[in-house]
Protein backbone atom coordinates (compact mmCIF):
# COMPACT_ATOMS: atom_id res chain seq x y z
CA MET A 1 0.00 0.00 0.00
CA ALA A 2 1.40 3.41 -0.99
CA TYR A 3 1.93 6.11 1.61
CA GLU A 4 -0.86 8.68 1.65
CA GLN A 5 -0.08 12.15 3.00
CA LYS A 6 -2.52 13.36 5.66
CA PRO A 7 -3.91 16.89 5.23
CA ASN A 8 -2.17 19.47 7.46
CA TRP A 9 0.58 17.01 8.43
CA GLY A 10 4.24 16.82 7.50
CA THR A 11 7.53 15.29 8.56
CA LEU A 12 10.91 16.81 9.36
CA TRP A 13 13.81 14.51 8.46
CA PRO A 14 17.48 14.71 9.42
CA ASN A 15 19.31 16.87 6.88
CA ASP A 16 21.82 14.40 5.45
CA TYR A 17 23.25 17.18 3.27
CA LYS A 18 24.16 19.55 6.12
CA LYS A 19 27.68 20.84 5.51
CA GLN A 20 27.76 24.05 7.57
CA ASP A 21 26.27 25.23 10.87
CA ILE A 22 23.95 27.60 8.99
CA HIS A 23 22.26 24.66 7.22
CA PRO A 24 19.10 23.33 8.92
CA ASP A 25 19.37 20.26 11.15
CA VAL A 26 16.09 18.88 9.81
CA LYS A 27 14.10 19.50 6.62
CA GLY A 28 10.74 18.44 5.31
CA ASP A 29 7.38 19.42 3.93
CA ILE A 30 3.91 19.99 5.29
CA PHE A 31 0.79 19.65 3.15
CA ILE A 32 -1.74 22.36 4.04
CA GLU A 33 -5.37 21.79 3.16
CA ARG A 34 -6.89 24.61 1.08
CA GLU A 35 -9.75 25.06 3.60
CA LEU A 36 -7.31 25.67 6.48
CA LEU A 37 -5.28 28.09 4.39
CA GLU A 38 -8.38 30.03 3.30
CA THR A 39 -9.59 30.27 6.92
CA LEU A 40 -6.20 31.51 8.07
CA LEU A 41 -6.12 34.14 5.31
CA ALA A 42 -9.69 35.30 6.00
CA ASN A 43 -9.03 35.70 9.74
CA ASN A 44 -5.75 37.65 9.35
CA PRO A 45 -6.16 40.84 7.33
CA THR A 46 -2.87 42.28 8.68
CA GLY A 47 -0.68 40.23 6.37
CA LEU A 48 0.80 38.07 9.14
CA ILE A 49 -0.58 34.56 9.41
CA LYS A 50 -0.55 32.78 12.76
CA MET A 51 -0.76 28.99 12.63
CA SER A 52 -0.39 26.53 15.49
CA ILE A 53 2.06 23.66 15.02
CA GLY A 54 2.38 20.51 17.09
CA GLY A 55 5.19 17.99 16.87
CA TRP A 56 5.67 14.35 17.76
CA ALA A 57 8.98 12.51 17.80
CA GLY A 58 9.00 9.35 15.72
CA LYS A 59 11.20 6.91 13.85
CA VAL A 60 11.01 5.96 10.17
CA VAL A 61 13.43 3.54 8.53
CA ASN A 62 15.68 3.80 11.62
CA LYS A 63 15.87 7.60 11.33
CA LYS A 64 14.59 9.91 14.05
CA VAL A 65 11.95 12.22 12.58
CA LEU A 66 9.60 14.89 13.85
CA ASN A 67 6.01 14.59 12.63
CA VAL A 68 4.24 17.96 12.61
CA GLN A 69 0.62 19.04 12.36
CA ALA A 70 -0.66 22.50 11.45
CA SER A 71 -3.95 23.83 12.82
CA LEU A 72 -5.83 27.02 13.55
CA PRO A 73 -4.34 28.96 16.47
CA ARG A 74 -6.04 28.59 19.82
CA GLU A 75 -8.21 31.51 20.78
CA ALA A 76 -7.02 33.67 23.66
CA PRO A 77 -9.33 33.70 26.70
CA SER A 78 -11.94 36.45 26.50
CA LYS A 79 -11.07 37.55 30.04
CA PRO A 80 -7.85 37.44 32.03
CA LEU A 81 -7.45 34.23 34.02
CA ASP A 82 -7.42 34.29 37.80
CA ASP A 83 -6.85 31.61 40.45
CA ASN A 84 -10.52 30.52 40.30
CA ASP A 85 -10.07 29.48 36.65
CA LEU A 86 -7.28 27.00 37.38
CA PRO A 87 -8.24 23.32 37.77
CA TYR A 88 -5.72 22.72 40.58
C-alpha cells in the first residue's frame, strides 16, 4: 500500500546534506489543506498569518523524525485568568 499524505501534516527529516552550521538540522514538507489556508487568510487581514504547530517525535526507517501538524491557532481567553479558573 502506498503512503498517503494526511492533510495538514508533514515530517521533518534529518538533513543528510548539512555541511555548515547555517544549514538546517532537519528538513521536510507539510501539506496544508486549502480550507485551512483560506480560513487563516480570512481571519488575518494584517498580512501576518498565525498557525499553530504541534510535533511528535518518531522513527522511520531507523531515522529519528519529527512529525508535525498545522492547525488554527487557539483563541485567547476572553477575560484574564485568575486563580478561580485553574483546575488545581
